[in-house]
Amino acid sequence: MLHTSLEYLNNDLSDMLYHTLTSNEEVSIATTKGSVIMISQEQYDSMQETLRLLSDKKSLSALLDSHNKRDENLQIDSYSVSEVFNDL
């Protein structure tokens, strides 16, 4: 993660935006009242999708089951999209 101050960001906003978009590296922007994190839209969308999947009990259960079976070298069951997301 790249760290910068609000003052530096004000002077170099376009370069920081380009850096975030091309590197997918988060930028922590420090102010006197706290910090904020700048991320690309792609990263944000990915995080939102992960949160959505983890909040769905059935898809989380299927994910954990698959990981456990993989770790034990067992055959992994397949689920259709409609089976996993039937309650959405």
PDB file of N, CA and C in Angstrom:
ATOM      1  N   MET A   1       0.850  -1.179   0.000  1.00  0.00           N
ATOM      2  CA  MET A   1       0.000   0.000   0.000  1.00  0.00           C
ATOM      3  C   MET A   1       0.890   1.234   0.000  1.00  0.00           C
ATOM      4  N   LEU A   2       0.530   2.161  -0.835  1.00  0.00           N
ATOM      5  CA  LEU A   2       1.246   3.422  -0.927  1.00  0.00           C
ATOM      6  C   LEU A   2       0.627   4.410   0.060  1.00  0.00           C
ATOM      7  N   HIS A   3       1.453   5.142   0.775  1.00  0.00           N
ATOM      8  CA  HIS A   3       0.968   6.132   1.739  1.00  0.00           C
ATOM      9  C   HIS A   3       1.335   7.538   1.257  1.00  0.00           C
ATOM     10  N   THR A   4       0.385   8.448   1.399  1.00  0.00           N
ATOM     11  CA  THR A   4       0.634   9.828   0.994  1.00  0.00           C
ATOM     12  C   THR A   4      -0.189  10.767   1.881  1.00  0.00           C
ATOM     13  N   SER A   5       0.123  12.019   1.777  1.00  0.00           N
ATOM     14  CA  SER A   5      -0.638  13.026   2.525  1.00  0.00           C
ATOM     15  C   SER A   5      -1.618  13.713   1.581  1.00  0.00           C
ATOM     16  N   LEU A   6      -2.606  14.349   2.158  1.00  0.00           N
ATOM     17  CA  LEU A   6      -3.574  15.085   1.358  1.00  0.00           C
ATOM     18  C   LEU A   6      -2.894  16.204   0.577  1.00  0.00           C
ATOM     19  N   GLU A   7      -1.929  16.865   1.200  1.00  0.00           N
ATOM     20  CA  GLU A   7      -1.212  17.950   0.525  1.00  0.00           C
ATOM     21  C   GLU A   7      -0.491  17.434  -0.722  1.00  0.00           C
ATOM     22  N   TYR A   8       0.199  16.285  -0.599  1.00  0.00           N
ATOM     23  CA  TYR A   8       0.899  15.727  -1.755  1.00  0.00           C
ATOM     24  C   TYR A   8      -0.104  15.295  -2.819  1.00  0.00           C
ATOM     25  N   LEU A   9      -1.198  14.706  -2.393  1.00  0.00           N
ATOM     26  CA  LEU A   9      -2.210  14.254  -3.340  1.00  0.00           C
ATOM     27  C   LEU A   9      -2.790  15.426  -4.122  1.00  0.00           C
ATOM     28  N   ASN A  10      -3.029  16.539  -3.454  1.00  0.00           N
ATOM     29  CA  ASN A  10      -3.547  17.725  -4.134  1.00  0.00           C
ATOM     30  C   ASN A  10      -2.615  18.192  -5.239  1.00  0.00           C
ATOM     31  N   ASN A  11      -1.319  18.053  -5.039  1.00  0.00           N
ATOM     32  CA  ASN A  11      -0.336  18.485  -6.040  1.00  0.00           C
ATOM     33  C   ASN A  11      -0.137  17.459  -7.150  1.00  0.00           C
ATOM     34  N   ASP A  12      -0.497  16.193  -6.900  1.00  0.00           N
ATOM     35  CA  ASP A  12      -0.170  15.129  -7.851  1.00  0.00           C
ATOM     36  C   ASP A  12      -1.336  14.164  -8.053  1.00  0.00           C
ATOM     37  N   LEU A  13      -2.555  14.670  -8.072  1.00  0.00           N
ATOM     38  CA  LEU A  13      -3.732  13.816  -8.139  1.00  0.00           C
ATOM     39  C   LEU A  13      -3.748  12.927  -9.379  1.00  0.00           C
ATOM     40  N   SER A  14      -3.469  13.478 -10.536  1.00  0.00           N
ATOM     41  CA  SER A  14      -3.553  12.672 -11.758  1.00  0.00           C
ATOM     42  C   SER A  14      -2.555  11.521 -11.739  1.00  0.00           C
ATOM     43  N   ASP A  15      -1.338  11.758 -11.234  1.00  0.00           N
ATOM     44  CA  ASP A  15      -0.349  10.675 -11.148  1.00  0.00           C
ATOM     45  C   ASP A  15      -0.774   9.598 -10.162  1.00  0.00           C
ATOM     46  N   MET A  16      -1.357  10.006  -9.035  1.00  0.00           N
ATOM     47  CA  MET A  16      -1.819   9.033  -8.034  1.00  0.00           C
ATOM     48  C   MET A  16      -2.982   8.210  -8.582  1.00  0.00           C
ATOM     49  N   LEU A  17      -3.900   8.850  -9.275  1.00  0.00           N
ATOM     50  CA  LEU A  17      -5.007   8.119  -9.881  1.00  0.00           C
ATOM     51  C   LEU A  17      -4.492   7.117 -10.900  1.00  0.00           C
ATOM     52  N   TYR A  18      -3.588   7.543 -11.744  1.00  0.00           N
ATOM     53  CA  TYR A  18      -3.008   6.654 -12.750  1.00  0.00           C
ATOM     54  C   TYR A  18      -2.292   5.490 -12.070  1.00  0.00           C
ATOM     55  N   HIS A  19      -1.537   5.777 -11.018  1.00  0.00           N
ATOM     56  CA  HIS A  19      -0.822   4.728 -10.293  1.00  0.00           C
ATOM     57  C   HIS A  19      -1.811   3.696  -9.735  1.00  0.00           C
ATOM     58  N   THR A  20      -2.884   4.160  -9.129  1.00  0.00           N
ATOM     59  CA  THR A  20      -3.881   3.259  -8.550  1.00  0.00           C
ATOM     60  C   THR A  20      -4.535   2.406  -9.628  1.00  0.00           C
ATOM     61  N   LEU A  21      -4.861   3.009 -10.748  1.00  0.00           N
ATOM     62  CA  LEU A  21      -5.522   2.279 -11.826  1.00  0.00           C
ATOM     63  C   LEU A  21      -4.610   1.266 -12.504  1.00  0.00           C
ATOM     64  N   THR A  22      -3.350   1.589 -12.649  1.00  0.00           N
ATOM     65  CA  THR A  22      -2.438   0.696 -13.375  1.00  0.00           C
ATOM     66  C   THR A  22      -1.780  -0.349 -12.497  1.00  0.00           C
ATOM     67  N   SER A  23      -1.640  -0.083 -11.220  1.00  0.00           N
ATOM     68  CA  SER A  23      -0.937  -1.028 -10.345  1.00  0.00           C
ATOM     69  C   SER A  23      -1.883  -1.835  -9.461  1.00  0.00           C
ATOM     70  N   ASN A  24      -3.138  -1.419  -9.361  1.00  0.00           N
ATOM     71  CA  ASN A  24      -4.092  -2.004  -8.413  1.00  0.00           C
ATOM     72  C   ASN A  24      -3.581  -1.969  -6.985  1.00  0.00           C
ATOM     73  N   GLU A  25      -2.715  -1.019  -6.700  1.00  0.00           N
ATOM     74  CA  GLU A  25      -2.208  -0.818  -5.346  1.00  0.00           C
ATOM     75  C   GLU A  25      -3.071   0.234  -4.655  1.00  0.00           C
ATOM     76  N   GLU A  26      -3.423  -0.065  -3.412  1.00  0.00           N
ATOM     77  CA  GLU A  26      -4.205   0.893  -2.646  1.00  0.00           C
ATOM     78  C   GLU A  26      -3.337   2.087  -2.272  1.00  0.00           C
ATOM     79  N   VAL A  27      -3.976   3.234  -2.120  1.00  0.00           N
ATOM     80  CA  VAL A  27      -3.274   4.439  -1.682  1.00  0.00           C
ATOM     81  C   VAL A  27      -3.950   4.924  -0.406  1.00  0.00           C
ATOM     82  N   SER A  28      -3.178   5.021   0.663  1.00  0.00           N
ATOM     83  CA  SER A  28      -3.670   5.554   1.924  1.00  0.00           C
ATOM     84  C   SER A  28      -3.385   7.049   1.936  1.00  0.00           C
ATOM     85  N   ILE A  29      -4.440   7.827   2.131  1.00  0.00           N
ATOM     86  CA  ILE A  29      -4.313   9.282   2.115  1.00  0.00           C
ATOM     87  C   ILE A  29      -4.550   9.785   3.536  1.00  0.00           C
ATOM     88  N   ALA A  30      -3.507  10.329   4.148  1.00  0.00           N
ATOM     89  CA  ALA A  30      -3.585  10.788   5.526  1.00  0.00           C
ATOM     90  C   ALA A  30      -3.992  12.249   5.579  1.00  0.00           C
ATOM     91  N   THR A  31      -4.927  12.535   6.496  1.00  0.00           N
ATOM     92  CA  THR A  31      -5.325  13.907   6.757  1.00  0.00           C
ATOM     93  C   THR A  31      -5.236  14.139   8.262  1.00  0.00           C
ATOM     94  N   THR A  32      -5.456  15.348   8.679  1.00  0.00           N
ATOM     95  CA  THR A  32      -5.417  15.638  10.111  1.00  0.00           C
ATOM     96  C   THR A  32      -6.602  15.020  10.850  1.00  0.00           C
ATOM     97  N   LYS A  33      -7.641  14.647  10.115  1.00  0.00           N
ATOM     98  CA  LYS A  33      -8.832  14.067  10.735  1.00  0.00           C
ATOM     99  C   LYS A  33      -8.933  12.555  10.562  1.00  0.00           C
ATOM    100  N   GLY A  34      -7.937  11.944   9.949  1.00  0.00           N
ATOM    101  CA  GLY A  34      -7.951  10.501   9.713  1.00  0.00           C
ATOM    102  C   GLY A  34      -7.454  10.181   8.325  1.00  0.00           C
ATOM    103  N   SER A  35      -7.588   8.937   7.959  1.00  0.00           N
ATOM    104  CA  SER A  35      -7.113   8.473   6.656  1.00  0.00           C
ATOM    105  C   SER A  35      -8.252   7.861   5.852  1.00  0.00           C
ATOM    106  N   VAL A  36      -8.097   7.887   4.545  1.00  0.00           N
ATOM    107  CA  VAL A  36      -9.000   7.203   3.631  1.00  0.00           C
ATOM    108  C   VAL A  36      -8.151   6.382   2.670  1.00  0.00           C
ATOM    109  N   ILE A  37      -8.772   5.378   2.084  1.00  0.00           N
ATOM    110  CA  ILE A  37      -8.072   4.510   1.146  1.00  0.00           C
ATOM    111  C   ILE A  37      -8.659   4.713  -0.242  1.00  0.00           C
ATOM    112  N   MET A  38      -7.791   4.911  -1.221  1.00  0.00           N
ATOM    113  CA  MET A  38      -8.211   5.038  -2.614  1.00  0.00           C
ATOM    114  C   MET A  38      -7.897   3.713  -3.310  1.00  0.00           C
ATOM    115  N   ILE A  39      -8.936   3.133  -3.945  1.00  0.00           N
ATOM    116  CA  ILE A  39      -8.757   1.896  -4.699  1.00  0.00           C
ATOM    117  C   ILE A  39      -9.424   2.059  -6.060  1.00  0.00           C
ATOM    118  N   SER A  40      -9.060   1.180  -6.987  1.00  0.00           N
ATOM    119  CA  SER A  40      -9.666   1.230  -8.316  1.00  0.00           C
ATOM    120  C   SER A  40     -11.098   0.715  -8.259  1.00  0.00           C
ATOM    121  N   GLN A  41     -11.890   1.094  -9.231  1.00  0.00           N
ATOM    122  CA  GLN A  41     -13.265   0.601  -9.335  1.00  0.00           C
ATOM    123  C   GLN A  41     -13.268  -0.918  -9.431  1.00  0.00           C
ATOM    124  N   GLU A  42     -12.326  -1.476 -10.160  1.00  0.00           N
ATOM    125  CA  GLU A  42     -12.227  -2.934 -10.308  1.00  0.00           C
ATOM    126  C   GLU A  42     -12.028  -3.611  -8.948  1.00  0.00           C
ATOM    127  N   GLN A  43     -11.135  -3.069  -8.126  1.00  0.00           N
ATOM    128  CA  GLN A  43     -10.925  -3.627  -6.793  1.00  0.00           C
ATOM    129  C   GLN A  43     -12.176  -3.482  -5.936  1.00  0.00           C
ATOM    130  N   TYR A  44     -12.812  -2.339  -5.993  1.00  0.00           N
ATOM    131  CA  TYR A  44     -14.025  -2.098  -5.220  1.00  0.00           C
ATOM    132  C   TYR A  44     -15.117  -3.096  -5.613  1.00  0.00           C
ATOM    133  N   ASP A  45     -15.338  -3.267  -6.906  1.00  0.00           N
ATOM    134  CA  ASP A  45     -16.357  -4.196  -7.381  1.00  0.00           C
ATOM    135  C   ASP A  45     -16.050  -5.621  -6.926  1.00  0.00           C
ATOM    136  N   SER A  46     -14.789  -5.999  -6.991  1.00  0.00           N
ATOM    137  CA  SER A  46     -14.377  -7.334  -6.552  1.00  0.00           C
ATOM    138  C   SER A  46     -14.633  -7.534  -5.059  1.00  0.00           C
ATOM    139  N   MET A  47     -14.331  -6.531  -4.262  1.00  0.00           N
ATOM    140  CA  MET A  47     -14.572  -6.614  -2.825  1.00  0.00           C
ATOM    141  C   MET A  47     -16.073  -6.716  -2.534  1.00  0.00           C
ATOM    142  N   GLN A  48     -16.880  -5.961  -3.247  1.00  0.00           N
ATOM    143  CA  GLN A  48     -18.323  -6.013  -3.049  1.00  0.00           C
ATOM    144  C   GLN A  48     -18.879  -7.392  -3.408  1.00  0.00           C
ATOM    145  N   GLU A  49     -18.379  -7.967  -4.487  1.00  0.00           N
ATOM    146  CA  GLU A  49     -18.818  -9.298  -4.896  1.00  0.00           C
ATOM    147  C   GLU A  49     -18.409 -10.338  -3.854  1.00  0.00           C
ATOM    148  N   THR A  50     -17.206 -10.232  -3.335  1.00  0.00           N
ATOM    149  CA  THR A  50     -16.751 -11.152  -2.287  1.00  0.00           C
ATOM    150  C   THR A  50     -17.630 -11.045  -1.050  1.00  0.00           C
ATOM    151  N   LEU A  51     -17.924  -9.821  -0.631  1.00  0.00           N
ATOM    152  CA  LEU A  51     -18.799  -9.624   0.524  1.00  0.00           C
ATOM    153  C   LEU A  51     -20.194 -10.194   0.276  1.00  0.00           C
ATOM    154  N   ARG A  52     -20.700 -10.018  -0.925  1.00  0.00           N
ATOM    155  CA  ARG A  52     -22.020 -10.550  -1.264  1.00  0.00           C
ATOM    156  C   ARG A  52     -22.019 -12.072  -1.188  1.00  0.00           C
ATOM    157  N   LEU A  53     -20.984 -12.693  -1.741  1.00  0.00           N
ATOM    158  CA  LEU A  53     -20.905 -14.154  -1.714  1.00  0.00           C
ATOM    159  C   LEU A  53     -20.742 -14.689  -0.296  1.00  0.00           C
ATOM    160  N   LEU A  54     -19.931 -14.024   0.504  1.00  0.00           N
ATOM    161  CA  LEU A  54     -19.705 -14.481   1.865  1.00  0.00           C
ATOM    162  C   LEU A  54     -20.917 -14.263   2.764  1.00  0.00           C
ATOM    163  N   SER A  55     -21.780 -13.324   2.403  1.00  0.00           N
ATOM    164  CA  SER A  55     -22.977 -13.092   3.212  1.00  0.00           C
ATOM    165  C   SER A  55     -24.113 -14.033   2.832  1.00  0.00           C
ATOM    166  N   ASP A  56     -23.978 -14.730   1.711  1.00  0.00           N
ATOM    167  CA  ASP A  56     -24.969 -15.715   1.289  1.00  0.00           C
ATOM    168  C   ASP A  56     -24.607 -17.055   1.945  1.00  0.00           C
ATOM    169  N   LYS A  57     -25.437 -17.521   2.865  1.00  0.00           N
ATOM    170  CA  LYS A  57     -25.121 -18.709   3.659  1.00  0.00           C
ATOM    171  C   LYS A  57     -24.896 -19.949   2.803  1.00  0.00           C
ATOM    172  N   LYS A  58     -25.682 -20.120   1.773  1.00  0.00           N
ATOM    173  CA  LYS A  58     -25.555 -21.311   0.943  1.00  0.00           C
ATOM    174  C   LYS A  58     -24.257 -21.291   0.130  1.00  0.00           C
ATOM    175  N   SER A  59     -23.923 -20.141  -0.449  1.00  0.00           N
ATOM    176  CA  SER A  59     -22.687 -20.087  -1.239  1.00  0.00           C
ATOM    177  C   SER A  59     -21.465 -20.175  -0.334  1.00  0.00           C
ATOM    178  N   LEU A  60     -21.528 -19.594   0.861  1.00  0.00           N
ATOM    179  CA  LEU A  60     -20.420 -19.707   1.806  1.00  0.00           C
ATOM    180  C   LEU A  60     -20.232 -21.151   2.239  1.00  0.00           C
ATOM    181  N   SER A  61     -21.327 -21.840   2.505  1.00  0.00           N
ATOM    182  CA  SER A  61     -21.251 -23.241   2.897  1.00  0.00           C
ATOM    183  C   SER A  61     -20.630 -24.084   1.782  1.00  0.00           C
ATOM    184  N   ALA A  62     -21.041 -23.836   0.553  1.00  0.00           N
ATOM    185  CA  ALA A  62     -20.492 -24.569  -0.585  1.00  0.00           C
ATOM    186  C   ALA A  62     -18.998 -24.284  -0.745  1.00  0.00           C
ATOM    187  N   LEU A  63     -18.593 -23.035  -0.557  1.00  0.00           N
ATOM    188  CA  LEU A  63     -17.187 -22.666  -0.664  1.00  0.00           C
ATOM    189  C   LEU A  63     -16.355 -23.366   0.405  1.00  0.00           C
ATOM    190  N   LEU A  64     -16.821 -23.313   1.645  1.00  0.00           N
ATOM    191  CA  LEU A  64     -16.082 -23.949   2.737  1.00  0.00           C
ATOM    192  C   LEU A  64     -16.020 -25.463   2.568  1.00  0.00           C
ATOM    193  N   ASP A  65     -17.113 -26.054   2.123  1.00  0.00           N
ATOM    194  CA  ASP A  65     -17.142 -27.492   1.865  1.00  0.00           C
ATOM    195  C   ASP A  65     -16.115 -27.872   0.800  1.00  0.00           C
ATOM    196  N   SER A  66     -16.055 -27.097  -0.257  1.00  0.00           N
ATOM    197  CA  SER A  66     -15.091 -27.363  -1.328  1.00  0.00           C
ATOM    198  C   SER A  66     -13.659 -27.237  -0.840  1.00  0.00           C
ATOM    199  N   HIS A  67     -13.392 -26.227  -0.028  1.00  0.00           N
ATOM    200  CA  HIS A  67     -12.040 -26.060   0.503  1.00  0.00           C
ATOM    201  C   HIS A  67     -11.652 -27.231   1.402  1.00  0.00           C
ATOM    202  N   ASN A  68     -12.571 -27.659   2.245  1.00  0.00           N
ATOM    203  CA  ASN A  68     -12.283 -28.792   3.121  1.00  0.00           C
ATOM    204  C   ASN A  68     -12.023 -30.061   2.323  1.00  0.00           C
ATOM    205  N   LYS A  69     -12.833 -30.302   1.311  1.00  0.00           N
ATOM    206  CA  LYS A  69     -12.636 -31.489   0.476  1.00  0.00           C
ATOM    207  C   LYS A  69     -11.325 -31.404  -0.298  1.00  0.00           C
ATOM    208  N   ARG A  70     -10.999 -30.228  -0.797  1.00  0.00           N
ATOM    209  CA  ARG A  70      -9.736 -30.060  -1.510  1.00  0.00           C
ATOM    210  C   ARG A  70      -8.560 -30.349  -0.589  1.00  0.00           C
ATOM    211  N   ASP A  71      -8.628 -29.811   0.641  1.00  0.00           N
ATOM    212  CA  ASP A  71      -7.546 -30.019   1.605  1.00  0.00           C
ATOM    213  C   ASP A  71      -7.384 -31.486   1.977  1.00  0.00           C
ATOM    214  N   GLU A  72      -8.475 -32.246   1.921  1.00  0.00           N
ATOM    215  CA  GLU A  72      -8.437 -33.666   2.247  1.00  0.00           C
ATOM    216  C   GLU A  72      -8.277 -34.537   1.006  1.00  0.00           C
ATOM    217  N   ASN A  73      -8.032 -33.906  -0.147  1.00  0.00           N
ATOM    218  CA  ASN A  73      -7.876 -34.599  -1.429  1.00  0.00           C
ATOM    219  C   ASN A  73      -9.090 -35.448  -1.788  1.00  0.00           C
ATOM    220  N   LEU A  74     -10.269 -34.976  -1.452  1.00  0.00           N
ATOM    221  CA  LEU A  74     -11.512 -35.652  -1.794  1.00  0.00           C
ATOM    222  C   LEU A  74     -12.111 -35.024  -3.041  1.00  0.00           C
ATOM    223  N   GLN A  75     -12.999 -35.779  -3.687  1.00  0.00           N
ATOM    224  CA  GLN A  75     -13.667 -35.249  -4.867  1.00  0.00           C
ATOM    225  C   GLN A  75     -14.594 -34.107  -4.465  1.00  0.00           C
ATOM    226  N   ILE A  76     -14.525 -33.020  -5.218  1.00  0.00           N
ATOM    227  CA  ILE A  76     -15.323 -31.835  -4.938  1.00  0.00           C
ATOM    228  C   ILE A  76     -16.635 -31.909  -5.708  1.00  0.00           C
ATOM    229  N   ASP A  77     -17.758 -31.728  -4.975  1.00  0.00           N
ATOM    230  CA  ASP A  77     -19.076 -31.712  -5.611  1.00  0.00           C
ATOM    231  C   ASP A  77     -19.218 -30.464  -6.462  1.00  0.00           C
ATOM    232  N   SER A  78     -19.966 -30.598  -7.531  1.00  0.00           N
ATOM    233  CA  SER A  78     -20.248 -29.444  -8.386  1.00  0.00           C
ATOM    234  C   SER A  78     -21.661 -28.957  -8.111  1.00  0.00           C
ATOM    235  N   TYR A  79     -21.829 -27.654  -8.155  1.00  0.00           N
ATOM    236  CA  TYR A  79     -23.136 -27.039  -7.981  1.00  0.00           C
ATOM    237  C   TYR A  79     -23.404 -26.137  -9.176  1.00  0.00           C
ATOM    238  N   SER A  80     -24.637 -26.148  -9.623  1.00  0.00           N
ATOM    239  CA  SER A  80     -24.998 -25.230 -10.688  1.00  0.00           C
ATOM    240  C   SER A  80     -25.176 -23.838 -10.094  1.00  0.00           C
ATOM    241  N   VAL A  81     -25.171 -22.844 -10.947  1.00  0.00           N
ATOM    242  CA  VAL A  81     -25.364 -21.472 -10.506  1.00  0.00           C
ATOM    243  C   VAL A  81     -26.720 -21.332  -9.821  1.00  0.00           C
ATOM    244  N   SER A  82     -27.739 -21.940 -10.374  1.00  0.00           N
ATOM    245  CA  SER A  82     -29.073 -21.820  -9.773  1.00  0.00           C
ATOM    246  C   SER A  82     -29.145 -22.518  -8.422  1.00  0.00           C
ATOM    247  N   GLU A  83     -28.396 -23.610  -8.220  1.00  0.00           N
ATOM    248  CA  GLU A  83     -28.385 -24.280  -6.920  1.00  0.00           C
ATOM    249  C   GLU A  83     -27.711 -23.410  -5.856  1.00  0.00           C
ATOM    250  N   VAL A  84     -26.642 -22.741  -6.234  1.00  0.00           N
ATOM    251  CA  VAL A  84     -25.907 -21.931  -5.281  1.00  0.00           C
ATOM    252  C   VAL A  84     -26.650 -20.644  -4.963  1.00  0.00           C
ATOM    253  N   PHE A  85     -27.238 -20.014  -5.971  1.00  0.00           N
ATOM    254  CA  PHE A  85     -27.870 -18.706  -5.783  1.00  0.00           C
ATOM    255  C   PHE A  85     -29.392 -18.766  -5.806  1.00  0.00           C
ATOM    256  N   ASN A  86     -29.976 -19.894  -5.439  1.00  0.00           N
ATOM    257  CA  ASN A  86     -31.419 -20.037  -5.562  1.00  0.00           C
ATOM    258  C   ASN A  86     -32.191 -19.108  -4.623  1.00  0.00           C
ATOM    259  N   ASP A  87     -31.567 -18.640  -3.557  1.00  0.00           N
ATOM    260  CA  ASP A  87     -32.283 -17.792  -2.611  1.00  0.00           C
ATOM    261  C   ASP A  87     -32.076 -16.298  -2.853  1.00  0.00           C
ATOM    262  N   LEU A  88     -31.392 -15.951  -3.917  1.00  0.00           N
ATOM    263  CA  LEU A  88     -31.161 -14.523  -4.207  1.00  0.00           C
ATOM    264  C   LEU A  88     -32.234 -13.974  -5.106  1.00  0.00           C
TER     265      LEU A  88
END
